[in-house]
N, C-alpha and C. Protein backbone atom coordinates (compact mmCIF):
# COMPACT_ATOMS: atom_id res chain seq x y z
N MET A 1 99.73 137.30 108.58
CA MET A 1 99.43 138.64 108.22
C MET A 1 98.30 138.60 107.18
N GLY A 2 97.21 139.24 107.48
CA GLY A 2 96.03 139.21 106.62
C GLY A 2 94.86 138.63 107.38
N TYR A 3 93.66 138.95 106.96
CA TYR A 3 92.46 138.52 107.66
C TYR A 3 92.43 136.99 107.80
N ASN A 4 92.35 136.51 109.02
CA ASN A 4 92.29 135.08 109.37
C ASN A 4 93.51 134.27 108.93
N ALA A 5 94.58 134.91 108.56
CA ALA A 5 95.79 134.17 108.19
C ALA A 5 96.30 133.41 109.42
N GLY A 6 96.47 132.11 109.28
CA GLY A 6 96.94 131.28 110.39
C GLY A 6 95.98 131.23 111.55
N PHE A 7 94.70 131.42 111.31
CA PHE A 7 93.69 131.55 112.36
C PHE A 7 93.66 130.39 113.35
N ASN A 8 93.63 129.15 112.88
CA ASN A 8 93.58 127.98 113.77
C ASN A 8 94.94 127.33 113.93
N ASN A 9 95.98 128.05 113.63
CA ASN A 9 97.32 127.49 113.67
C ASN A 9 97.77 127.25 115.11
N ASN A 10 98.09 126.01 115.42
CA ASN A 10 98.57 125.63 116.75
C ASN A 10 99.95 125.00 116.69
N THR A 11 100.70 125.31 115.65
CA THR A 11 101.95 124.60 115.41
C THR A 11 103.13 125.57 115.31
N LEU A 12 104.26 125.04 114.88
CA LEU A 12 105.50 125.81 114.85
C LEU A 12 106.01 126.03 113.43
N TYR A 13 106.76 127.10 113.27
CA TYR A 13 107.55 127.38 112.08
C TYR A 13 106.72 127.57 110.81
N ASN A 14 105.54 128.16 110.90
CA ASN A 14 104.72 128.44 109.74
C ASN A 14 104.72 129.93 109.44
N ILE A 15 104.58 130.26 108.16
CA ILE A 15 104.43 131.65 107.72
C ILE A 15 103.15 131.72 106.90
N ALA A 16 102.25 132.62 107.26
CA ALA A 16 100.99 132.79 106.54
C ALA A 16 100.80 134.27 106.23
N ILE A 17 100.78 134.60 104.94
CA ILE A 17 100.57 135.98 104.51
C ILE A 17 99.47 135.98 103.46
N GLY A 18 98.37 136.63 103.74
CA GLY A 18 97.24 136.71 102.82
C GLY A 18 95.97 136.24 103.48
N THR A 19 94.87 136.80 103.09
CA THR A 19 93.57 136.45 103.66
C THR A 19 93.33 134.95 103.65
N GLU A 20 92.99 134.39 104.80
CA GLU A 20 92.64 132.98 104.99
C GLU A 20 93.79 132.00 104.71
N SER A 21 95.00 132.48 104.49
CA SER A 21 96.10 131.53 104.24
C SER A 21 96.39 130.73 105.50
N LEU A 22 96.56 129.44 105.35
CA LEU A 22 96.82 128.51 106.46
C LEU A 22 95.82 128.68 107.61
N SER A 23 94.60 129.03 107.29
CA SER A 23 93.63 129.35 108.35
C SER A 23 93.07 128.12 109.06
N ASN A 24 93.20 126.93 108.48
CA ASN A 24 92.68 125.73 109.14
C ASN A 24 93.79 124.77 109.56
N ASN A 25 95.01 125.26 109.59
CA ASN A 25 96.14 124.40 109.95
C ASN A 25 96.01 123.91 111.39
N ASN A 26 96.08 122.61 111.57
CA ASN A 26 95.93 122.02 112.89
C ASN A 26 97.25 121.50 113.44
N SER A 27 97.96 120.70 112.64
CA SER A 27 99.19 120.11 113.15
C SER A 27 100.34 120.15 112.15
N GLY A 28 100.19 120.85 111.05
CA GLY A 28 101.26 120.94 110.06
C GLY A 28 102.31 121.96 110.43
N ASN A 29 103.57 121.57 110.39
CA ASN A 29 104.69 122.45 110.73
C ASN A 29 105.49 122.82 109.48
N SER A 30 106.23 123.91 109.60
CA SER A 30 107.20 124.32 108.59
C SER A 30 106.59 124.56 107.22
N ASN A 31 105.47 125.25 107.16
CA ASN A 31 104.81 125.59 105.91
C ASN A 31 104.93 127.09 105.64
N ILE A 32 104.96 127.43 104.35
CA ILE A 32 104.93 128.83 103.93
C ILE A 32 103.75 128.99 102.98
N ALA A 33 102.84 129.87 103.32
CA ALA A 33 101.66 130.14 102.49
C ALA A 33 101.56 131.64 102.26
N ILE A 34 101.68 132.04 101.00
CA ILE A 34 101.60 133.46 100.65
C ILE A 34 100.58 133.62 99.53
N GLY A 35 99.51 134.35 99.82
CA GLY A 35 98.46 134.60 98.83
C GLY A 35 97.09 134.27 99.38
N TYR A 36 96.09 134.89 98.81
CA TYR A 36 94.70 134.70 99.22
C TYR A 36 94.33 133.22 99.18
N ASP A 37 93.84 132.69 100.29
CA ASP A 37 93.40 131.29 100.42
C ASP A 37 94.49 130.25 100.16
N SER A 38 95.74 130.63 100.17
CA SER A 38 96.80 129.63 99.96
C SER A 38 96.87 128.69 101.16
N MET A 39 96.88 127.40 100.89
CA MET A 39 96.91 126.35 101.90
C MET A 39 95.80 126.50 102.94
N LYS A 40 94.67 127.00 102.55
CA LYS A 40 93.57 127.26 103.49
C LYS A 40 93.13 126.01 104.24
N GLU A 41 93.01 124.89 103.57
CA GLU A 41 92.47 123.67 104.19
C GLU A 41 93.54 122.76 104.78
N ASN A 42 94.80 123.20 104.78
CA ASN A 42 95.86 122.35 105.33
C ASN A 42 95.55 121.98 106.77
N ASP A 43 95.62 120.69 107.06
CA ASP A 43 95.38 120.21 108.42
C ASP A 43 96.68 119.70 109.04
N SER A 44 97.35 118.79 108.35
CA SER A 44 98.55 118.18 108.93
C SER A 44 99.72 118.12 107.96
N GLY A 45 99.59 118.70 106.79
CA GLY A 45 100.69 118.71 105.83
C GLY A 45 101.86 119.52 106.35
N THR A 46 103.07 119.04 106.09
CA THR A 46 104.26 119.72 106.58
C THR A 46 105.22 120.04 105.44
N ASP A 47 106.09 121.02 105.67
CA ASP A 47 107.17 121.35 104.76
C ASP A 47 106.69 121.69 103.35
N ASN A 48 105.59 122.43 103.25
CA ASN A 48 105.04 122.86 101.96
C ASN A 48 105.34 124.34 101.73
N ILE A 49 105.43 124.70 100.45
CA ILE A 49 105.55 126.10 100.06
C ILE A 49 104.45 126.38 99.04
N ALA A 50 103.60 127.34 99.33
CA ALA A 50 102.51 127.73 98.43
C ALA A 50 102.55 129.24 98.24
N ILE A 51 102.82 129.66 97.01
CA ILE A 51 102.88 131.08 96.72
C ILE A 51 101.94 131.38 95.56
N GLY A 52 100.91 132.15 95.82
CA GLY A 52 99.92 132.50 94.81
C GLY A 52 98.53 132.25 95.33
N ASN A 53 97.58 133.05 94.89
CA ASN A 53 96.20 132.88 95.34
C ASN A 53 95.69 131.48 95.04
N PHE A 54 95.08 130.86 96.03
CA PHE A 54 94.49 129.52 95.97
C PHE A 54 95.51 128.40 95.76
N SER A 55 96.79 128.68 95.86
CA SER A 55 97.79 127.61 95.69
C SER A 55 97.73 126.63 96.86
N LEU A 56 97.73 125.36 96.55
CA LEU A 56 97.61 124.28 97.54
C LEU A 56 96.40 124.48 98.45
N ASN A 57 95.37 125.08 97.94
CA ASN A 57 94.19 125.45 98.72
C ASN A 57 93.49 124.26 99.37
N GLN A 58 93.37 123.15 98.68
CA GLN A 58 92.66 121.97 99.19
C GLN A 58 93.57 120.97 99.90
N ASN A 59 94.84 121.28 99.99
CA ASN A 59 95.78 120.36 100.64
C ASN A 59 95.37 120.14 102.10
N THR A 60 95.26 118.89 102.49
CA THR A 60 94.93 118.58 103.88
C THR A 60 96.08 117.86 104.57
N GLN A 61 96.69 116.88 103.88
CA GLN A 61 97.73 116.08 104.50
C GLN A 61 99.01 116.00 103.68
N GLY A 62 99.00 116.51 102.48
CA GLY A 62 100.17 116.42 101.61
C GLY A 62 101.36 117.19 102.17
N SER A 63 102.55 116.62 101.99
CA SER A 63 103.77 117.23 102.51
C SER A 63 104.84 117.33 101.43
N TYR A 64 105.78 118.23 101.64
CA TYR A 64 106.93 118.43 100.76
C TYR A 64 106.52 118.84 99.34
N ASN A 65 105.49 119.68 99.24
CA ASN A 65 105.03 120.18 97.95
C ASN A 65 105.48 121.63 97.76
N THR A 66 105.73 121.99 96.50
CA THR A 66 106.10 123.35 96.16
C THR A 66 105.16 123.83 95.06
N SER A 67 104.47 124.92 95.33
CA SER A 67 103.43 125.39 94.43
C SER A 67 103.56 126.89 94.20
N PHE A 68 103.82 127.30 92.95
CA PHE A 68 103.95 128.70 92.60
C PHE A 68 102.94 129.08 91.53
N GLY A 69 102.06 130.02 91.84
CA GLY A 69 101.13 130.52 90.84
C GLY A 69 99.68 130.33 91.22
N TYR A 70 98.86 131.13 90.59
CA TYR A 70 97.41 131.15 90.80
C TYR A 70 96.81 129.76 90.59
N TYR A 71 96.16 129.21 91.60
CA TYR A 71 95.50 127.90 91.59
C TYR A 71 96.46 126.72 91.41
N SER A 72 97.74 126.91 91.53
CA SER A 72 98.67 125.79 91.34
C SER A 72 98.49 124.75 92.44
N LEU A 73 98.43 123.50 92.06
CA LEU A 73 98.19 122.37 92.96
C LEU A 73 96.96 122.56 93.83
N ASN A 74 95.99 123.30 93.34
CA ASN A 74 94.78 123.61 94.10
C ASN A 74 94.04 122.36 94.55
N ASN A 75 93.97 121.33 93.71
CA ASN A 75 93.19 120.13 94.04
C ASN A 75 94.00 119.04 94.74
N ASN A 76 95.27 119.30 94.99
CA ASN A 76 96.07 118.32 95.73
C ASN A 76 95.55 118.23 97.16
N THR A 77 95.28 117.02 97.63
CA THR A 77 94.80 116.86 99.01
C THR A 77 95.80 116.09 99.87
N VAL A 78 96.32 114.99 99.36
CA VAL A 78 97.23 114.16 100.15
C VAL A 78 98.54 113.83 99.42
N GLY A 79 98.72 114.34 98.22
CA GLY A 79 99.93 114.05 97.45
C GLY A 79 101.17 114.67 98.07
N ASN A 80 102.29 113.97 97.94
CA ASN A 80 103.56 114.42 98.48
C ASN A 80 104.59 114.63 97.38
N TYR A 81 105.57 115.46 97.64
CA TYR A 81 106.72 115.70 96.78
C TYR A 81 106.32 116.16 95.36
N ASN A 82 105.36 117.05 95.26
CA ASN A 82 104.94 117.61 93.97
C ASN A 82 105.48 119.03 93.81
N THR A 83 105.69 119.41 92.54
CA THR A 83 106.10 120.77 92.21
C THR A 83 105.24 121.25 91.07
N ALA A 84 104.66 122.45 91.21
CA ALA A 84 103.85 123.04 90.13
C ALA A 84 104.21 124.51 90.01
N ILE A 85 104.44 124.93 88.76
CA ILE A 85 104.75 126.33 88.48
C ILE A 85 103.77 126.84 87.45
């Protein structure tokens, strides 16, 4: 829901709410992205939760991350099992 939210999403069990959220997801399953550009660059990361504008924005392969708040875990790319509030 939102402009280009989940645009390239070809996978299962994802939720994308907000402009460009999860817009580049290729093979990542079971992600929740809420907020402008949240998880925008995710390619194959799975089981992530990103709530807040730009949260987990640069994540490409990282999995099992939880990110709450504006720019939280924004620079995480491949890290796993992180939590940021």
